[in-house]
Amino acid sequence: MKLKVKDLRAKNPVELQRELLDLLRARFGLRMQQATQQLSNTAQLRNTRRDIARAKTILGEKARQS
C-alpha cells in the first residue's frame, strides 16, 4: 500500500499522526513476520518504511508552516 504524497498533504496534523501510528504498527507486524520466516513479500517492509518517512516529512513541513 503505497501512500500518495498528495493524499498525505491533504490531511491535517492529527490525521497524519494517526496515519503514522498505523504505519509504525504495520512495520512492527511485518518485522515480526520476517523474524518468524512468515513474510513472503519482503518489499512490503521497504514500502512501509518509505511511507513512514513520507508521513514524517510532511508532518515536519506542516509543523514548520504553523
PDB file of N, CA and C in Angstrom:
ATOM      1  N   MET A   1       0.845  -1.168   0.000  1.00  0.00           N
ATOM      2  CA  MET A   1       0.000   0.000   0.000  1.00  0.00           C
ATOM      3  C   MET A   1       0.891   1.232   0.000  1.00  0.00           C
ATOM      4  N   LYS A   2       1.149   1.752  -1.135  1.00  0.00           N
ATOM      5  CA  LYS A   2       1.994   2.937  -1.244  1.00  0.00           C
ATOM      6  C   LYS A   2       1.126   4.178  -1.095  1.00  0.00           C
ATOM      7  N   LEU A   3       1.510   5.018  -0.156  1.00  0.00           N
ATOM      8  CA  LEU A   3       0.758   6.245   0.080  1.00  0.00           C
ATOM      9  C   LEU A   3       1.185   7.311  -0.921  1.00  0.00           C
ATOM     10  N   LYS A   4       0.220   8.083  -1.349  1.00  0.00           N
ATOM     11  CA  LYS A   4       0.496   9.178  -2.267  1.00  0.00           C
ATOM     12  C   LYS A   4       0.768  10.441  -1.453  1.00  0.00           C
ATOM     13  N   VAL A   5       1.744  11.211  -1.885  1.00  0.00           N
ATOM     14  CA  VAL A   5       2.093  12.450  -1.194  1.00  0.00           C
ATOM     15  C   VAL A   5       0.914  13.415  -1.209  1.00  0.00           C
ATOM     16  N   LYS A   6       0.199  13.459  -2.317  1.00  0.00           N
ATOM     17  CA  LYS A   6      -0.951  14.358  -2.440  1.00  0.00           C
ATOM     18  C   LYS A   6      -1.999  14.039  -1.368  1.00  0.00           C
ATOM     19  N   ASP A   7      -2.221  12.742  -1.129  1.00  0.00           N
ATOM     20  CA  ASP A   7      -3.195  12.343  -0.110  1.00  0.00           C
ATOM     21  C   ASP A   7      -2.719  12.727   1.286  1.00  0.00           C
ATOM     22  N   LEU A   8      -1.426  12.565   1.546  1.00  0.00           N
ATOM     23  CA  LEU A   8      -0.896  12.907   2.860  1.00  0.00           C
ATOM     24  C   LEU A   8      -0.954  14.416   3.100  1.00  0.00           C
ATOM     25  N   ARG A   9      -0.663  15.204   2.083  1.00  0.00           N
ATOM     26  CA  ARG A   9      -0.690  16.662   2.240  1.00  0.00           C
ATOM     27  C   ARG A   9      -2.104  17.171   2.514  1.00  0.00           C
ATOM     28  N   ALA A  10      -3.111  16.444   2.069  1.00  0.00           N
ATOM     29  CA  ALA A  10      -4.499  16.862   2.270  1.00  0.00           C
ATOM     30  C   ALA A  10      -4.961  16.639   3.715  1.00  0.00           C
ATOM     31  N   LYS A  11      -4.233  15.835   4.462  1.00  0.00           N
ATOM     32  CA  LYS A  11      -4.643  15.531   5.841  1.00  0.00           C
ATOM     33  C   LYS A  11      -4.141  16.604   6.800  1.00  0.00           C
ATOM     34  N   ASN A  12      -4.867  16.739   7.910  1.00  0.00           N
ATOM     35  CA  ASN A  12      -4.412  17.667   8.941  1.00  0.00           C
ATOM     36  C   ASN A  12      -3.407  16.937   9.853  1.00  0.00           C
ATOM     37  N   PRO A  13      -2.682  17.674  10.708  1.00  0.00           N
ATOM     38  CA  PRO A  13      -1.649  17.044  11.537  1.00  0.00           C
ATOM     39  C   PRO A  13      -2.149  15.902  12.423  1.00  0.00           C
ATOM     40  N   VAL A  14      -3.359  16.000  12.919  1.00  0.00           N
ATOM     41  CA  VAL A  14      -3.898  14.925  13.776  1.00  0.00           C
ATOM     42  C   VAL A  14      -4.085  13.643  12.957  1.00  0.00           C
ATOM     43  N   GLU A  15      -4.630  13.790  11.764  1.00  0.00           N
ATOM     44  CA  GLU A  15      -4.822  12.634  10.895  1.00  0.00           C
ATOM     45  C   GLU A  15      -3.473  12.047  10.473  1.00  0.00           C
ATOM     46  N   LEU A  16      -2.488  12.910  10.246  1.00  0.00           N
ATOM     47  CA  LEU A  16      -1.156  12.437   9.883  1.00  0.00           C
ATOM     48  C   LEU A  16      -0.522  11.640  11.022  1.00  0.00           C
ATOM     49  N   GLN A  17      -0.712  12.122  12.253  1.00  0.00           N
ATOM     50  CA  GLN A  17      -0.194  11.395  13.411  1.00  0.00           C
ATOM     51  C   GLN A  17      -0.830  10.004  13.498  1.00  0.00           C
ATOM     52  N   ARG A  18      -2.141   9.950  13.250  1.00  0.00           N
ATOM     53  CA  ARG A  18      -2.853   8.677  13.294  1.00  0.00           C
ATOM     54  C   ARG A  18      -2.338   7.735  12.202  1.00  0.00           C
ATOM     55  N   GLU A  19      -2.130   8.289  11.006  1.00  0.00           N
ATOM     56  CA  GLU A  19      -1.608   7.502   9.886  1.00  0.00           C
ATOM     57  C   GLU A  19      -0.205   6.987  10.202  1.00  0.00           C
ATOM     58  N   LEU A  20       0.619   7.841  10.810  1.00  0.00           N
ATOM     59  CA  LEU A  20       1.978   7.451  11.178  1.00  0.00           C
ATOM     60  C   LEU A  20       1.956   6.324  12.203  1.00  0.00           C
ATOM     61  N   LEU A  21       1.068   6.414  13.165  1.00  0.00           N
ATOM     62  CA  LEU A  21       0.954   5.362  14.175  1.00  0.00           C
ATOM     63  C   LEU A  21       0.532   4.037  13.538  1.00  0.00           C
ATOM     64  N   ASP A  22      -0.404   4.098  12.607  1.00  0.00           N
ATOM     65  CA  ASP A  22      -0.831   2.891  11.897  1.00  0.00           C
ATOM     66  C   ASP A  22       0.324   2.281  11.103  1.00  0.00           C
ATOM     67  N   LEU A  23       1.112   3.134  10.462  1.00  0.00           N
ATOM     68  CA  LEU A  23       2.250   2.647   9.678  1.00  0.00           C
ATOM     69  C   LEU A  23       3.313   2.014  10.578  1.00  0.00           C
ATOM     70  N   LEU A  24       3.547   2.616  11.735  1.00  0.00           N
ATOM     71  CA  LEU A  24       4.526   2.051  12.663  1.00  0.00           C
ATOM     72  C   LEU A  24       4.074   0.681  13.170  1.00  0.00           C
ATOM     73  N   ARG A  25       2.778   0.560  13.428  1.00  0.00           N
ATOM     74  CA  ARG A  25       2.244  -0.742  13.849  1.00  0.00           C
ATOM     75  C   ARG A  25       2.371  -1.774  12.729  1.00  0.00           C
ATOM     76  N   ALA A  26       2.105  -1.340  11.495  1.00  0.00           N
ATOM     77  CA  ALA A  26       2.227  -2.248  10.354  1.00  0.00           C
ATOM     78  C   ALA A  26       3.675  -2.689  10.186  1.00  0.00           C
ATOM     79  N   ARG A  27       4.611  -1.750  10.359  1.00  0.00           N
ATOM     80  CA  ARG A  27       6.030  -2.106  10.229  1.00  0.00           C
ATOM     81  C   ARG A  27       6.422  -3.122  11.297  1.00  0.00           C
ATOM     82  N   PHE A  28       5.933  -2.935  12.514  1.00  0.00           N
ATOM     83  CA  PHE A  28       6.239  -3.876  13.584  1.00  0.00           C
ATOM     84  C   PHE A  28       5.734  -5.272  13.226  1.00  0.00           C
ATOM     85  N   GLY A  29       4.491  -5.336  12.732  1.00  0.00           N
ATOM     86  CA  GLY A  29       3.931  -6.630  12.341  1.00  0.00           C
ATOM     87  C   GLY A  29       4.732  -7.284  11.228  1.00  0.00           C
ATOM     88  N   LEU A  30       5.167  -6.490  10.265  1.00  0.00           N
ATOM     89  CA  LEU A  30       5.968  -7.038   9.171  1.00  0.00           C
ATOM     90  C   LEU A  30       7.324  -7.522   9.669  1.00  0.00           C
ATOM     91  N   ARG A  31       7.915  -6.779  10.607  1.00  0.00           N
ATOM     92  CA  ARG A  31       9.199  -7.213  11.162  1.00  0.00           C
ATOM     93  C   ARG A  31       9.063  -8.530  11.912  1.00  0.00           C
ATOM     94  N   MET A  32       7.951  -8.692  12.618  1.00  0.00           N
ATOM     95  CA  MET A  32       7.728  -9.948  13.338  1.00  0.00           C
ATOM     96  C   MET A  32       7.523 -11.098  12.355  1.00  0.00           C
ATOM     97  N   GLN A  33       6.799 -10.842  11.276  1.00  0.00           N
ATOM     98  CA  GLN A  33       6.606 -11.876  10.259  1.00  0.00           C
ATOM     99  C   GLN A  33       7.940 -12.260   9.627  1.00  0.00           C
ATOM    100  N   GLN A  34       8.786 -11.262   9.404  1.00  0.00           N
ATOM    101  CA  GLN A  34      10.090 -11.554   8.801  1.00  0.00           C
ATOM    102  C   GLN A  34      10.951 -12.371   9.755  1.00  0.00           C
ATOM    103  N   ALA A  35      10.887 -12.053  11.039  1.00  0.00           N
ATOM    104  CA  ALA A  35      11.696 -12.764  12.022  1.00  0.00           C
ATOM    105  C   ALA A  35      11.271 -14.217  12.154  1.00  0.00           C
ATOM    106  N   THR A  36       9.988 -14.495  11.931  1.00  0.00           N
ATOM    107  CA  THR A  36       9.494 -15.866  12.056  1.00  0.00           C
ATOM    108  C   THR A  36       9.393 -16.562  10.697  1.00  0.00           C
ATOM    109  N   GLN A  37      10.015 -15.961   9.686  1.00  0.00           N
ATOM    110  CA  GLN A  37      10.057 -16.540   8.337  1.00  0.00           C
ATOM    111  C   GLN A  37       8.669 -16.679   7.711  1.00  0.00           C
ATOM    112  N   GLN A  38       7.731 -15.800   8.077  1.00  0.00           N
ATOM    113  CA  GLN A  38       6.384 -15.864   7.521  1.00  0.00           C
ATOM    114  C   GLN A  38       6.120 -14.792   6.476  1.00  0.00           C
ATOM    115  N   LEU A  39       7.065 -13.865   6.301  1.00  0.00           N
ATOM    116  CA  LEU A  39       6.877 -12.770   5.358  1.00  0.00           C
ATOM    117  C   LEU A  39       7.293 -13.230   3.967  1.00  0.00           C
ATOM    118  N   SER A  40       6.312 -13.297   3.067  1.00  0.00           N
ATOM    119  CA  SER A  40       6.623 -13.773   1.716  1.00  0.00           C
ATOM    120  C   SER A  40       7.034 -12.626   0.804  1.00  0.00           C
ATOM    121  N   ASN A  41       6.450 -11.449   0.999  1.00  0.00           N
ATOM    122  CA  ASN A  41       6.761 -10.302   0.153  1.00  0.00           C
ATOM    123  C   ASN A  41       7.587  -9.307   0.958  1.00  0.00           C
ATOM    124  N   THR A  42       8.907  -9.405   0.864  1.00  0.00           N
ATOM    125  CA  THR A  42       9.779  -8.551   1.672  1.00  0.00           C
ATOM    126  C   THR A  42       9.766  -7.099   1.215  1.00  0.00           C
ATOM    127  N   ALA A  43       9.262  -6.835   0.023  1.00  0.00           N
ATOM    128  CA  ALA A  43       9.174  -5.452  -0.458  1.00  0.00           C
ATOM    129  C   ALA A  43       8.171  -4.648   0.364  1.00  0.00           C
ATOM    130  N   GLN A  44       7.227  -5.316   1.001  1.00  0.00           N
ATOM    131  CA  GLN A  44       6.251  -4.621   1.847  1.00  0.00           C
ATOM    132  C   GLN A  44       6.957  -3.859   2.963  1.00  0.00           C
ATOM    133  N   LEU A  45       7.997  -4.459   3.515  1.00  0.00           N
ATOM    134  CA  LEU A  45       8.733  -3.838   4.605  1.00  0.00           C
ATOM    135  C   LEU A  45       9.388  -2.539   4.129  1.00  0.00           C
ATOM    136  N   ARG A  46      10.007  -2.579   2.970  1.00  0.00           N
ATOM    137  CA  ARG A  46      10.653  -1.391   2.413  1.00  0.00           C
ATOM    138  C   ARG A  46       9.622  -0.306   2.095  1.00  0.00           C
ATOM    139  N   ASN A  47       8.506  -0.703   1.502  1.00  0.00           N
ATOM    140  CA  ASN A  47       7.468   0.270   1.157  1.00  0.00           C
ATOM    141  C   ASN A  47       6.878   0.920   2.402  1.00  0.00           C
ATOM    142  N   THR A  48       6.682   0.139   3.437  1.00  0.00           N
ATOM    143  CA  THR A  48       6.136   0.682   4.681  1.00  0.00           C
ATOM    144  C   THR A  48       7.116   1.665   5.305  1.00  0.00           C
ATOM    145  N   ARG A  49       8.396   1.321   5.271  1.00  0.00           N
ATOM    146  CA  ARG A  49       9.422   2.210   5.803  1.00  0.00           C
ATOM    147  C   ARG A  49       9.432   3.545   5.049  1.00  0.00           C
ATOM    148  N   ARG A  50       9.276   3.476   3.763  1.00  0.00           N
ATOM    149  CA  ARG A  50       9.264   4.699   2.952  1.00  0.00           C
ATOM    150  C   ARG A  50       7.999   5.517   3.189  1.00  0.00           C
ATOM    151  N   ASP A  51       6.873   4.836   3.396  1.00  0.00           N
ATOM    152  CA  ASP A  51       5.630   5.542   3.722  1.00  0.00           C
ATOM    153  C   ASP A  51       5.762   6.274   5.054  1.00  0.00           C
ATOM    154  N   ILE A  52       6.442   5.636   6.017  1.00  0.00           N
ATOM    155  CA  ILE A  52       6.679   6.279   7.316  1.00  0.00           C
ATOM    156  C   ILE A  52       7.502   7.538   7.115  1.00  0.00           C
ATOM    157  N   ALA A  53       8.529   7.446   6.288  1.00  0.00           N
ATOM    158  CA  ALA A  53       9.378   8.612   6.022  1.00  0.00           C
ATOM    159  C   ALA A  53       8.579   9.723   5.347  1.00  0.00           C
ATOM    160  N   ARG A  54       7.706   9.370   4.414  1.00  0.00           N
ATOM    161  CA  ARG A  54       6.875  10.372   3.751  1.00  0.00           C
ATOM    162  C   ARG A  54       5.982  11.089   4.763  1.00  0.00           C
ATOM    163  N   ALA A  55       5.344  10.307   5.624  1.00  0.00           N
ATOM    164  CA  ALA A  55       4.430  10.885   6.614  1.00  0.00           C
ATOM    165  C   ALA A  55       5.191  11.791   7.583  1.00  0.00           C
ATOM    166  N   LYS A  56       6.374  11.368   8.023  1.00  0.00           N
ATOM    167  CA  LYS A  56       7.158  12.184   8.942  1.00  0.00           C
ATOM    168  C   LYS A  56       7.620  13.478   8.279  1.00  0.00           C
ATOM    169  N   THR A  57       7.993  13.391   7.020  1.00  0.00           N
ATOM    170  CA  THR A  57       8.443  14.578   6.294  1.00  0.00           C
ATOM    171  C   THR A  57       7.325  15.602   6.183  1.00  0.00           C
ATOM    172  N   ILE A  58       6.147  15.161   5.785  1.00  0.00           N
ATOM    173  CA  ILE A  58       5.022  16.082   5.622  1.00  0.00           C
ATOM    174  C   ILE A  58       4.567  16.620   6.970  1.00  0.00           C
ATOM    175  N   LEU A  59       4.631  15.786   8.007  1.00  0.00           N
ATOM    176  CA  LEU A  59       4.289  16.249   9.354  1.00  0.00           C
ATOM    177  C   LEU A  59       5.252  17.353   9.789  1.00  0.00           C
ATOM    178  N   GLY A  60       6.528  17.194   9.491  1.00  0.00           N
ATOM    179  CA  GLY A  60       7.515  18.226   9.819  1.00  0.00           C
ATOM    180  C   GLY A  60       7.287  19.496   9.036  1.00  0.00           C
ATOM    181  N   GLU A  61       6.930  19.359   7.760  1.00  0.00           N
ATOM    182  CA  GLU A  61       6.642  20.534   6.937  1.00  0.00           C
ATOM    183  C   GLU A  61       5.460  21.312   7.502  1.00  0.00           C
ATOM    184  N   LYS A  62       4.432  20.588   7.904  1.00  0.00           N
ATOM    185  CA  LYS A  62       3.244  21.254   8.447  1.00  0.00           C
ATOM    186  C   LYS A  62       3.557  21.922   9.785  1.00  0.00           C
ATOM    187  N   ALA A  63       4.449  21.326  10.570  1.00  0.00           N
ATOM    188  CA  ALA A  63       4.829  21.918  11.860  1.00  0.00           C
ATOM    189  C   ALA A  63       5.609  23.205  11.643  1.00  0.00           C
ATOM    190  N   ARG A  64       6.438  23.245  10.625  1.00  0.00           N
ATOM    191  CA  ARG A  64       7.222  24.449  10.338  1.00  0.00           C
ATOM    192  C   ARG A  64       6.357  25.571   9.774  1.00  0.00           C
ATOM    193  N   GLN A  65       5.268  25.210   9.095  1.00  0.00           N
ATOM    194  CA  GLN A  65       4.389  26.218   8.496  1.00  0.00           C
ATOM    195  C   GLN A  65       3.588  26.978   9.553  1.00  0.00           C
ATOM    196  N   SER A  66       3.255  26.290  10.653  1.00  0.00           N
ATOM    197  CA  SER A  66       2.401  26.961  11.643  1.00  0.00           C
ATOM    198  C   SER A  66       3.192  27.655  12.717  1.00  0.00           C
TER     199      SER A  66
END
